[in-house]
Amino acid sequence: MAYAVSFEQSNTADWNFQFSATDLDTNEVIDFSGATDILFVVADDNGERLRASLANGKITLESPTVLDVRIPFGEMGGLCAGSYQIGAVYKDAAGDVNQLLTGRLSVYNGIAKL
């Protein structure tokens, strides 16, 4: 079972967030230290727009149970104001792929720019 989430984010700023998750079956915090891959995707009706993963370095382990996601403003600037689908999966040490979260990202036009 995946968590349902929603985010709001400017398209003129870095999008940085951390999250941890609890296994809803065991009520234990998920240990990501054995994960072989973690993928976070932002998509619209035309397909994938942004990708963060362990492989591309945009997802790192802050601790065994906390993921740190960092998407730079240069990539956020490619998103027009609007609503996008988001989702995340991870592959555990046993090779099982688990849905971590699904939801929506509301992007708004930032006013100030550096």
C-alpha atoms as a PDB file:
ATOM      1  CA  MET A   1       0.000   0.000   0.000  1.00  0.00           C
ATOM      2  CA  ALA A   2       1.283   3.439  -0.935  1.00  0.00           C
ATOM      3  CA  TYR A   3       0.970   6.714   0.902  1.00  0.00           C
ATOM      4  CA  ALA A   4      -1.171   9.382  -0.789  1.00  0.00           C
ATOM      5  CA  VAL A   5       0.579  12.762  -0.741  1.00  0.00           C
ATOM      6  CA  SER A   6       0.303  16.246  -2.174  1.00  0.00           C
ATOM      7  CA  PHE A   7       2.927  18.957  -2.557  1.00  0.00           C
ATOM      8  CA  GLU A   8       2.955  22.607  -3.629  1.00  0.00           C
ATOM      9  CA  GLN A   9       6.136  23.981  -5.145  1.00  0.00           C
ATOM     10  CA  SER A  10       7.394  27.013  -7.070  1.00  0.00           C
ATOM     11  CA  ASN A  11       8.887  26.537 -10.517  1.00  0.00           C
ATOM     12  CA  THR A  12      11.571  29.140  -9.691  1.00  0.00           C
ATOM     13  CA  ALA A  13      13.118  27.442  -6.644  1.00  0.00           C
ATOM     14  CA  ASP A  14      14.865  24.229  -5.657  1.00  0.00           C
ATOM     15  CA  TRP A  15      12.498  21.506  -4.491  1.00  0.00           C
ATOM     16  CA  ASN A  16      14.097  19.821  -1.491  1.00  0.00           C
ATOM     17  CA  PHE A  17      12.332  17.522   0.931  1.00  0.00           C
ATOM     18  CA  GLN A  18      12.957  14.563   3.180  1.00  0.00           C
ATOM     19  CA  PHE A  19      10.656  11.719   3.986  1.00  0.00           C
ATOM     20  CA  SER A  20      10.452   8.487   5.862  1.00  0.00           C
ATOM     21  CA  ALA A  21       7.707   5.887   5.757  1.00  0.00           C
ATOM     22  CA  THR A  22       6.159   3.274   7.979  1.00  0.00           C
ATOM     23  CA  ASP A  23       5.268  -0.167   6.655  1.00  0.00           C
ATOM     24  CA  LEU A  24       1.514  -0.276   7.066  1.00  0.00           C
ATOM     25  CA  ASP A  25       1.524  -4.071   7.517  1.00  0.00           C
ATOM     26  CA  THR A  26       4.193  -4.255  10.240  1.00  0.00           C
ATOM     27  CA  ASN A  27       3.972  -0.695  11.627  1.00  0.00           C
ATOM     28  CA  GLU A  28       7.793  -0.495  11.419  1.00  0.00           C
ATOM     29  CA  VAL A  29       9.759   2.362   9.882  1.00  0.00           C
ATOM     30  CA  ILE A  30      11.074   1.292   6.473  1.00  0.00           C
ATOM     31  CA  ASP A  31      14.852   0.826   6.356  1.00  0.00           C
ATOM     32  CA  PHE A  32      16.055   1.995   2.930  1.00  0.00           C
ATOM     33  CA  SER A  33      19.720   1.115   3.514  1.00  0.00           C
ATOM     34  CA  GLY A  34      19.319  -2.163   1.590  1.00  0.00           C
ATOM     35  CA  ALA A  35      17.423  -0.587  -1.309  1.00  0.00           C
ATOM     36  CA  THR A  36      19.064  -1.173  -4.668  1.00  0.00           C
ATOM     37  CA  ASP A  37      17.090   1.607  -6.327  1.00  0.00           C
ATOM     38  CA  ILE A  38      14.644   4.337  -5.382  1.00  0.00           C
ATOM     39  CA  LEU A  39      12.791   6.290  -8.042  1.00  0.00           C
ATOM     40  CA  PHE A  40      10.644   9.437  -7.735  1.00  0.00           C
ATOM     41  CA  VAL A  41       8.818  10.644 -10.856  1.00  0.00           C
ATOM     42  CA  VAL A  42       6.788  13.739 -11.778  1.00  0.00           C
ATOM     43  CA  ALA A  43       4.550  13.241 -14.816  1.00  0.00           C
ATOM     44  CA  ASP A  44       1.703  14.774 -16.771  1.00  0.00           C
ATOM     45  CA  ASP A  45      -0.477  13.490 -19.615  1.00  0.00           C
ATOM     46  CA  ASN A  46       2.548  13.706 -21.952  1.00  0.00           C
ATOM     47  CA  GLY A  47       4.658  11.401 -19.758  1.00  0.00           C
ATOM     48  CA  GLU A  48       7.548  11.766 -17.355  1.00  0.00           C
ATOM     49  CA  ARG A  49       8.727  15.334 -16.712  1.00  0.00           C
ATOM     50  CA  LEU A  50      11.195  14.961 -13.820  1.00  0.00           C
ATOM     51  CA  ARG A  51      13.096  11.998 -12.383  1.00  0.00           C
ATOM     52  CA  ALA A  52      14.997  11.676  -9.128  1.00  0.00           C
ATOM     53  CA  SER A  53      16.772   8.455  -8.169  1.00  0.00           C
ATOM     54  CA  LEU A  54      19.687   7.003  -6.287  1.00  0.00           C
ATOM     55  CA  ALA A  55      21.385   6.495  -9.656  1.00  0.00           C
ATOM     56  CA  ASN A  56      21.259  10.163 -10.696  1.00  0.00           C
ATOM     57  CA  GLY A  57      22.162  11.401  -7.202  1.00  0.00           C
ATOM     58  CA  LYS A  58      18.988  13.424  -6.649  1.00  0.00           C
ATOM     59  CA  ILE A  59      17.937  10.980  -3.923  1.00  0.00           C
ATOM     60  CA  THR A  60      20.315  10.225  -1.083  1.00  0.00           C
ATOM     61  CA  LEU A  61      19.983   8.490   2.247  1.00  0.00           C
ATOM     62  CA  GLU A  62      20.046  11.020   5.073  1.00  0.00           C
ATOM     63  CA  SER A  63      19.901   8.013   7.403  1.00  0.00           C
ATOM     64  CA  PRO A  64      18.821   4.386   6.902  1.00  0.00           C
ATOM     65  CA  THR A  65      15.187   5.450   7.313  1.00  0.00           C
ATOM     66  CA  VAL A  66      15.165   8.974   5.811  1.00  0.00           C
ATOM     67  CA  LEU A  67      15.358   9.814   2.108  1.00  0.00           C
ATOM     68  CA  ASP A  68      16.560  13.231   0.952  1.00  0.00           C
ATOM     69  CA  VAL A  69      15.187  14.384  -2.436  1.00  0.00           C
ATOM     70  CA  ARG A  70      16.707  17.404  -4.195  1.00  0.00           C
ATOM     71  CA  ILE A  71      15.491  18.698  -7.546  1.00  0.00           C
ATOM     72  CA  PRO A  72      17.272  21.888  -8.650  1.00  0.00           C
ATOM     73  CA  PHE A  73      15.391  25.012  -9.718  1.00  0.00           C
ATOM     74  CA  GLY A  74      16.809  24.642 -13.224  1.00  0.00           C
ATOM     75  CA  GLU A  75      14.722  21.503 -13.665  1.00  0.00           C
ATOM     76  CA  MET A  76      11.715  22.890 -11.801  1.00  0.00           C
ATOM     77  CA  GLY A  77      11.728  25.810 -14.257  1.00  0.00           C
ATOM     78  CA  GLY A  78      10.775  23.381 -17.012  1.00  0.00           C
ATOM     79  CA  LEU A  79       7.404  22.815 -15.369  1.00  0.00           C
ATOM     80  CA  CYS A  80       4.569  25.168 -16.228  1.00  0.00           C
ATOM     81  CA  ALA A  81       2.168  26.126 -13.470  1.00  0.00           C
ATOM     82  CA  GLY A  82      -0.345  23.326 -13.051  1.00  0.00           C
ATOM     83  CA  SER A  83      -1.001  19.950 -11.509  1.00  0.00           C
ATOM     84  CA  TYR A  84       1.229  16.906 -12.014  1.00  0.00           C
ATOM     85  CA  GLN A  85       1.113  13.270 -10.967  1.00  0.00           C
ATOM     86  CA  ILE A  86       3.886  12.038  -8.668  1.00  0.00           C
ATOM     87  CA  GLY A  87       4.942   8.596  -7.593  1.00  0.00           C
ATOM     88  CA  ALA A  88       7.807   6.792  -5.926  1.00  0.00           C
ATOM     89  CA  VAL A  89       8.901   3.163  -5.830  1.00  0.00           C
ATOM     90  CA  TYR A  90      11.854   1.365  -4.310  1.00  0.00           C
ATOM     91  CA  LYS A  91      13.477  -2.006  -4.846  1.00  0.00           C
ATOM     92  CA  ASP A  92      14.422  -3.741  -1.612  1.00  0.00           C
ATOM     93  CA  ALA A  93      17.377  -6.064  -1.003  1.00  0.00           C
ATOM     94  CA  ALA A  94      15.231  -9.093  -1.928  1.00  0.00           C
ATOM     95  CA  GLY A  95      14.513  -7.550  -5.341  1.00  0.00           C
ATOM     96  CA  ASP A  96      10.862  -6.755  -4.599  1.00  0.00           C
ATOM     97  CA  VAL A  97       9.563  -3.479  -6.044  1.00  0.00           C
ATOM     98  CA  ASN A  98       7.343  -1.578  -3.606  1.00  0.00           C
ATOM     99  CA  GLN A  99       5.114   1.421  -4.284  1.00  0.00           C
ATOM    100  CA  LEU A 100       6.100   4.060  -1.752  1.00  0.00           C
ATOM    101  CA  LEU A 101       3.863   6.996  -2.568  1.00  0.00           C
ATOM    102  CA  THR A 102       1.509   8.396  -5.149  1.00  0.00           C
ATOM    103  CA  GLY A 103      -0.153  11.766  -5.383  1.00  0.00           C
ATOM    104  CA  ARG A 104      -0.173  15.239  -6.898  1.00  0.00           C
ATOM    105  CA  LEU A 105       2.247  18.134  -7.223  1.00  0.00           C
ATOM    106  CA  SER A 106       0.788  21.619  -7.675  1.00  0.00           C
ATOM    107  CA  VAL A 107       3.338  23.883  -9.340  1.00  0.00           C
ATOM    108  CA  TYR A 108       2.889  27.637  -9.169  1.00  0.00           C
ATOM    109  CA  ASN A 109       4.773  30.408 -10.973  1.00  0.00           C
ATOM    110  CA  GLY A 110       7.314  31.963  -8.654  1.00  0.00           C
ATOM    111  CA  ILE A 111       7.426  35.755  -8.641  1.00  0.00           C
ATOM    112  CA  ALA A 112      10.975  36.394  -7.425  1.00  0.00           C
ATOM    113  CA  LYS A 113      13.897  34.995  -9.414  1.00  0.00           C
ATOM    114  CA  LEU A 114      17.628  35.017  -8.755  1.00  0.00           C
END
